[in-house]
Amino acid sequence: MTTDAELLTSADTDPRAFREIYDRYAKNVHGFFLRRCSNRDVALDLTAETFAQAWQSRHRFVDHRDGSLGPWLFGIARNVLTRSVREQTISANACERLGLVRPPSTLSPDESWLEELDGDIADALAALPPSQRRAVELRVIDGLDYRDVSDELQCSPVAARIRVSRGLDSLRSALTPKITTKEITQ
């Protein structure tokens, strides 16, 4: 399977590559926004803005997560959300840049959308088994390579990779909203 980073690299010459990235992440990014604002149309606008920003900044992407764009995309999503609340606007520019025609949103951003932004992640991380939680903290939060993670956990590099992988899978499941693709496309 092609990594996200490989797809992003080939997106300049192959438009299907960026579409694959979108297909992999749109549901989760939309869910992230939907949990914050509880409005499907606004969440769609913010999702579009996130992917427009990702497209525009694709050449600045640096792979720190073994080919995964997840942390990078959700960083962009967080910035889009924070900026929309701070500026009290929801940008329609993303739709224009992506060639989409949508009526502007009628809902104004609200400070409550930022409540518990980090709490969801902290709760999901706290729910992990201790060995997985520590492995994820060392690898993702502290940015250690797998050799250093394995040294810290006193296990083999393979065992460290497995713990990180299982931990990230559990986090992904815990943070993925329970919405259907049909809800996104309606």
Protein backbone atom coordinates (compact mmCIF):
# COMPACT_ATOMS: atom_id res chain seq x y z
CA MET A 1 0.00 0.00 0.00
CA THR A 2 1.29 3.45 -0.89
CA THR A 3 2.02 5.67 2.12
CA ASP A 4 0.35 9.03 2.54
CA ALA A 5 3.71 10.78 2.11
CA GLU A 6 4.32 8.97 -1.19
CA LEU A 7 0.87 10.01 -2.40
CA LEU A 8 1.51 13.62 -1.43
CA THR A 9 4.81 13.59 -3.33
CA SER A 10 3.15 12.25 -6.47
CA ALA A 11 0.13 14.58 -6.20
CA ASP A 12 1.83 17.24 -8.34
CA THR A 13 1.72 14.98 -11.37
CA ASP A 14 -1.13 12.62 -10.46
CA PRO A 15 -4.37 14.25 -9.26
CA ARG A 16 -5.67 10.86 -8.16
CA ALA A 17 -2.96 10.79 -5.50
CA PHE A 18 -4.39 13.76 -3.60
CA ARG A 19 -7.88 12.30 -4.06
CA GLU A 20 -6.64 9.13 -2.34
CA ILE A 21 -5.36 11.23 0.57
CA TYR A 22 -8.76 12.94 0.74
CA ASP A 23 -10.53 9.57 0.68
CA ARG A 24 -8.34 8.32 3.51
CA TYR A 25 -8.87 11.31 5.81
CA ALA A 26 -11.98 13.32 4.88
CA LYS A 27 -14.36 11.33 7.07
CA ASN A 28 -12.16 11.76 10.17
CA VAL A 29 -11.42 15.43 9.52
CA HIS A 30 -15.12 16.11 8.95
CA GLY A 31 -15.95 14.24 12.16
CA PHE A 32 -13.38 16.31 14.05
CA PHE A 33 -15.18 19.49 12.95
CA LEU A 34 -18.66 18.04 13.38
CA ARG A 35 -17.92 17.18 17.03
CA ARG A 36 -16.82 20.79 17.57
CA CYS A 37 -19.56 22.77 15.81
CA SER A 38 -22.47 20.30 15.49
CA ASN A 39 -23.36 21.67 12.07
CA ARG A 40 -22.83 19.45 9.04
CA ASP A 41 -22.50 22.30 6.51
CA VAL A 42 -20.02 24.23 8.62
CA ALA A 43 -18.03 21.05 9.22
CA LEU A 44 -17.96 20.48 5.45
CA ASP A 45 -16.73 24.04 4.84
CA LEU A 46 -14.00 23.65 7.45
CA THR A 47 -13.04 20.27 5.98
CA ALA A 48 -12.75 21.83 2.53
CA GLU A 49 -10.59 24.61 3.96
CA THR A 50 -8.35 22.06 5.66
CA PHE A 51 -7.74 20.15 2.44
CA ALA A 52 -7.24 23.37 0.48
CA GLN A 53 -4.61 24.42 3.02
CA ALA A 54 -3.02 20.97 2.82
CA TRP A 55 -2.85 21.22 -0.97
CA GLN A 56 -1.31 24.68 -0.82
CA SER A 57 1.28 23.68 1.77
CA ARG A 58 2.04 20.19 0.42
CA HIS A 59 5.61 21.13 -0.50
CA ARG A 60 6.35 22.10 3.10
CA PHE A 61 5.32 18.69 4.48
CA VAL A 62 8.10 16.91 6.36
CA ASP A 63 7.53 13.22 7.11
CA HIS A 64 7.97 12.63 10.83
CA ARG A 65 5.49 9.77 11.17
CA ASP A 66 6.62 6.96 8.87
CA GLY A 67 4.61 8.20 5.90
CA SER A 68 1.41 9.17 7.74
CA LEU A 69 -0.21 12.54 7.01
CA GLY A 70 -2.64 12.20 9.91
CA PRO A 71 -0.82 14.39 12.46
CA TRP A 72 -0.02 16.99 9.78
CA LEU A 73 -3.61 17.14 8.49
CA PHE A 74 -5.11 17.34 11.97
CA GLY A 75 -2.62 20.10 12.82
CA ILE A 76 -3.93 22.00 9.81
CA ALA A 77 -7.51 21.25 10.87
CA ARG A 78 -6.85 22.55 14.36
CA ASN A 79 -5.34 25.74 12.92
CA VAL A 80 -8.30 26.20 10.56
CA LEU A 81 -10.73 25.79 13.46
CA THR A 82 -8.81 28.12 15.75
CA ARG A 83 -8.48 30.77 13.04
CA SER A 84 -12.19 30.58 12.14
CA VAL A 85 -13.17 31.07 15.77
CA ARG A 86 -10.64 33.86 16.31
CA GLU A 87 -11.67 35.70 13.15
CA GLN A 88 -15.36 34.79 13.56
CA THR A 89 -15.55 33.71 9.92
CA ILE A 90 -15.84 30.54 7.97
CA SER A 91 -13.85 30.85 4.80
CA ALA A 92 -15.59 30.24 1.53
CA ASN A 93 -12.24 30.68 -0.18
CA ALA A 94 -11.51 26.97 0.11
CA CYS A 95 -14.56 26.12 -1.96
CA GLU A 96 -13.52 28.67 -4.57
CA ARG A 97 -9.92 27.38 -4.67
CA LEU A 98 -11.14 23.82 -5.06
CA GLY A 99 -13.62 24.77 -7.79
CA LEU A 100 -16.69 24.02 -5.70
CA VAL A 101 -19.79 26.16 -5.65
CA ARG A 102 -21.48 26.24 -2.27
CA PRO A 103 -23.67 28.82 -0.59
CA PRO A 104 -21.93 30.51 2.33
CA SER A 105 -22.56 29.14 5.81
CA THR A 106 -25.01 31.03 7.93
CA LEU A 107 -23.58 29.90 11.26
CA SER A 108 -20.97 32.02 13.03
CA PRO A 109 -18.03 30.29 14.71
CA ASP A 110 -18.30 29.95 18.45
CA GLU A 111 -15.69 29.71 21.23
CA SER A 112 -17.41 26.55 22.49
CA TRP A 113 -16.05 24.71 19.44
CA LEU A 114 -12.60 24.84 21.03
CA GLU A 115 -13.73 23.39 24.34
CA GLU A 116 -12.14 20.06 25.13
CA LEU A 117 -10.16 20.13 21.88
CA ASP A 118 -7.16 18.57 23.61
CA GLY A 119 -9.32 16.71 26.12
CA ASP A 120 -10.56 14.22 23.53
CA ILE A 121 -7.01 13.25 22.67
CA ALA A 122 -5.91 13.17 26.31
CA ASP A 123 -8.87 10.95 27.26
CA ALA A 124 -8.21 8.55 24.39
CA LEU A 125 -4.50 8.41 25.26
CA ALA A 126 -5.27 7.79 28.96
CA ALA A 127 -7.55 4.88 28.00
CA LEU A 128 -4.71 2.99 26.32
CA PRO A 129 -2.95 0.15 28.13
CA PRO A 130 0.11 1.61 29.91
CA SER A 131 2.67 -0.03 27.59
CA GLN A 132 0.92 1.27 24.46
CA ARG A 133 0.37 4.72 25.97
CA ARG A 134 4.05 5.07 26.88
CA ALA A 135 5.15 3.81 23.45
CA VAL A 136 2.88 6.34 21.69
CA GLU A 137 4.08 9.15 23.97
CA LEU A 138 7.72 8.35 23.27
CA ARG A 139 7.29 7.94 19.51
CA VAL A 140 4.64 10.51 18.62
CA ILE A 141 4.81 13.16 21.33
CA ASP A 142 8.53 13.01 22.13
CA GLY A 143 9.52 12.16 18.54
CA LEU A 144 11.93 9.37 19.44
CA ASP A 145 12.93 6.82 16.83
CA TYR A 146 11.97 3.19 17.39
CA ARG A 147 15.44 2.22 18.64
CA ASP A 148 15.20 4.82 21.43
CA VAL A 149 11.60 3.82 22.18
CA SER A 150 12.66 0.19 22.51
CA ASP A 151 15.57 1.16 24.79
CA GLU A 152 13.27 3.21 26.99
CA LEU A 153 10.66 0.42 27.16
CA GLN A 154 13.30 -2.29 27.50
CA CYS A 155 11.93 -4.30 24.61
CA SER A 156 12.93 -5.09 21.04
CA PRO A 157 12.43 -2.50 18.27
CA VAL A 158 9.83 -4.82 16.74
CA ALA A 159 7.89 -4.93 20.02
CA ALA A 160 8.13 -1.12 20.25
CA ARG A 161 6.71 -0.77 16.72
CA ILE A 162 3.86 -3.14 17.58
CA ARG A 163 3.00 -1.20 20.74
CA VAL A 164 3.01 2.11 18.88
CA SER A 165 0.97 0.67 16.02
CA ARG A 166 -1.64 -0.86 18.32
CA GLY A 167 -1.79 2.31 20.39
CA LEU A 168 -2.32 4.49 17.31
CA ASP A 169 -4.98 2.09 16.00
CA SER A 170 -6.80 2.34 19.33
CA LEU A 171 -6.52 6.14 19.31
CA ARG A 172 -7.83 6.28 15.75
CA SER A 173 -10.83 4.14 16.71
CA ALA A 174 -11.53 6.18 19.83
CA LEU A 175 -11.31 9.51 17.98
CA THR A 176 -13.17 8.50 14.82
CA PRO A 177 -16.72 9.80 14.88
CA LYS A 178 -19.51 7.37 14.29
CA ILE A 179 -20.78 8.92 11.06
CA THR A 180 -21.29 7.41 7.67
CA THR A 181 -19.87 8.45 4.31
CA LYS A 182 -23.44 9.15 3.25
CA GLU A 183 -23.69 11.85 5.94
CA ILE A 184 -20.60 13.58 4.54
CA THR A 185 -21.78 13.61 0.94
CA GLN A 186 -25.36 14.75 1.60
